[in-house]
Amino acid sequence: MVVYNFTKNEMHNNIELIKSNTDIYFVVAGYNDKEKLQTIFDFHEFQENQETLDQMIRFQIYESFDFVSLLYMDLDGKEFIHSKVNLYLSKHVLVVLTDNIEWIEELLFKEIQECLDNIFIGREK
């Protein structure tokens, strides 16, 4: 699991460290963590509708972060093959659930932190 707290600019892999329900989070996890995350964040499935687009814009990632290309990025010559990836949103979190969490964790810790930092530069604290 990858938990990125944008409000505090912290990244970790422990769901127990999610203490605030008002901070803004980006979470990547396996489907087995969905229920635990749901009780913390009360998210809903990503849908192409105005509410979702407004939330994505609020997270400042709709145009800045391409999840499709993330899921097909090559990491040290290893091709990522997945069968299922879902996005979920709530007021305070963007959740990506996948059936290949180990690969995504490795990718995020190596490649994505700088990208996420760049997206949220200038974000009000």
Protein backbone atom coordinates (compact mmCIF):
# COMPACT_ATOMS: atom_id res chain seq x y z
CA MET A 1 0.00 0.00 0.00
CA VAL A 2 1.14 3.52 -0.74
CA VAL A 3 -0.34 6.38 1.27
CA TYR A 4 0.65 9.91 0.25
CA ASN A 5 -0.53 12.72 2.51
CA PHE A 6 -0.50 15.88 0.40
CA THR A 7 -1.36 18.12 3.33
CA LYS A 8 1.73 17.08 5.28
CA ASN A 9 3.83 16.01 2.24
CA GLU A 10 4.45 12.55 3.71
CA MET A 11 4.49 9.13 2.09
CA HIS A 12 4.27 5.79 3.92
CA ASN A 13 2.75 2.33 3.51
CA ASN A 14 0.76 1.90 6.72
CA ILE A 15 -3.00 2.40 6.84
CA GLU A 16 -2.77 2.74 10.63
CA LEU A 17 -0.87 6.03 10.19
CA ILE A 18 -3.90 7.72 8.61
CA LYS A 19 -4.90 9.84 11.60
CA SER A 20 -6.66 12.81 10.02
CA ASN A 21 -9.83 12.68 7.98
CA THR A 22 -9.36 16.29 6.85
CA ASP A 23 -5.94 15.92 5.20
CA ILE A 24 -5.80 15.26 1.44
CA TYR A 25 -4.56 11.78 0.50
CA PHE A 26 -3.56 9.76 -2.56
CA VAL A 27 -3.73 6.02 -1.82
CA VAL A 28 -2.74 3.01 -3.91
CA ALA A 29 -3.76 -0.33 -2.44
CA GLY A 30 -4.84 -3.87 -3.21
CA TYR A 31 -8.48 -4.85 -3.38
CA ASN A 32 -8.17 -6.60 0.00
CA ASP A 33 -7.74 -3.15 1.63
CA LYS A 34 -10.88 -1.66 0.09
CA GLU A 35 -13.14 -2.21 3.09
CA LYS A 36 -10.67 -0.69 5.58
CA LEU A 37 -10.11 2.32 3.33
CA GLN A 38 -13.85 2.70 2.73
CA THR A 39 -14.49 3.05 6.47
CA ILE A 40 -11.84 5.78 6.73
CA PHE A 41 -12.64 7.83 3.62
CA ASP A 42 -16.16 6.87 2.43
CA PHE A 43 -15.16 7.04 -1.24
CA HIS A 44 -17.19 6.18 -4.33
CA GLU A 45 -16.32 4.74 -7.72
CA PHE A 46 -14.75 6.97 -10.35
CA GLN A 47 -17.34 7.91 -12.97
CA GLU A 48 -17.17 10.25 -15.93
CA ASN A 49 -19.65 12.77 -14.62
CA GLN A 50 -19.47 16.41 -13.61
CA GLU A 51 -19.19 15.68 -9.89
CA THR A 52 -16.17 13.46 -10.46
CA LEU A 53 -14.55 15.91 -12.85
CA ASP A 54 -15.02 18.69 -10.32
CA GLN A 55 -13.35 16.54 -7.66
CA MET A 56 -10.45 15.67 -9.96
CA ILE A 57 -9.95 19.36 -10.69
CA ARG A 58 -10.08 20.04 -6.96
CA PHE A 59 -7.26 17.53 -6.52
CA GLN A 60 -5.40 19.39 -9.30
CA ILE A 61 -4.64 16.17 -11.11
CA TYR A 62 -7.22 15.92 -13.86
CA GLU A 63 -4.87 17.35 -16.50
CA SER A 64 -1.57 16.86 -14.66
CA PHE A 65 -1.52 13.18 -13.82
CA ASP A 66 -2.19 10.49 -16.42
CA PHE A 67 -3.19 7.31 -14.60
CA VAL A 68 -3.48 5.32 -17.81
CA SER A 69 0.16 5.89 -18.70
CA LEU A 70 1.13 5.24 -15.05
CA LEU A 71 -0.38 1.80 -15.27
CA TYR A 72 1.64 0.92 -18.37
CA MET A 73 4.97 2.49 -17.40
CA ASP A 74 8.03 0.31 -17.74
CA LEU A 75 10.03 -0.12 -14.55
CA ASP A 76 13.60 -1.33 -14.92
CA GLY A 77 12.69 -3.44 -17.94
CA LYS A 78 9.77 -5.14 -16.21
CA GLU A 79 6.47 -4.92 -18.02
CA PHE A 80 3.44 -4.36 -15.80
CA ILE A 81 0.54 -6.64 -16.61
CA HIS A 82 -2.66 -6.11 -14.67
CA SER A 83 -6.18 -7.37 -15.05
CA LYS A 84 -7.99 -4.82 -12.94
CA VAL A 85 -7.46 -1.26 -11.73
CA ASN A 86 -10.15 1.01 -10.30
CA LEU A 87 -10.17 4.66 -9.23
CA TYR A 88 -12.22 5.89 -6.28
CA LEU A 89 -12.82 9.42 -5.02
CA SER A 90 -14.08 11.22 -1.96
CA LYS A 91 -13.72 14.72 -0.61
CA HIS A 92 -10.29 13.98 0.86
CA VAL A 93 -8.84 11.05 -1.08
CA LEU A 94 -8.09 9.63 -4.48
CA VAL A 95 -7.78 5.83 -4.21
CA VAL A 96 -6.34 3.47 -6.82
CA LEU A 97 -7.09 -0.21 -6.19
CA THR A 98 -5.20 -2.83 -8.18
CA ASP A 99 -4.60 -6.55 -8.29
CA ASN A 100 -0.84 -5.99 -8.74
CA ILE A 101 -0.04 -3.83 -5.71
CA GLU A 102 3.59 -4.89 -5.37
CA TRP A 103 4.47 -3.53 -8.80
CA ILE A 104 2.56 -0.28 -8.26
CA GLU A 105 4.20 0.26 -4.85
CA GLU A 106 7.64 -0.16 -6.38
CA LEU A 107 6.77 2.18 -9.23
CA LEU A 108 5.32 4.85 -6.97
CA PHE A 109 8.16 4.89 -4.50
CA LYS A 110 10.74 5.12 -7.30
CA GLU A 111 9.10 7.34 -9.90
CA ILE A 112 5.96 9.15 -8.80
CA GLN A 113 6.81 11.18 -5.70
CA GLU A 114 8.49 13.93 -7.71
CA CYS A 115 5.55 14.01 -10.10
CA LEU A 116 3.09 14.28 -7.22
CA ASP A 117 5.20 16.98 -5.58
CA ASN A 118 5.20 18.97 -8.82
CA ILE A 119 1.44 18.68 -9.18
CA PHE A 120 0.83 20.10 -5.73
CA ILE A 121 3.42 22.90 -5.78
CA GLY A 122 1.63 26.05 -4.77
CA ARG A 123 -1.14 24.16 -3.01
CA GLU A 124 -2.41 26.08 -0.01
CA LYS A 125 -1.34 24.45 3.23
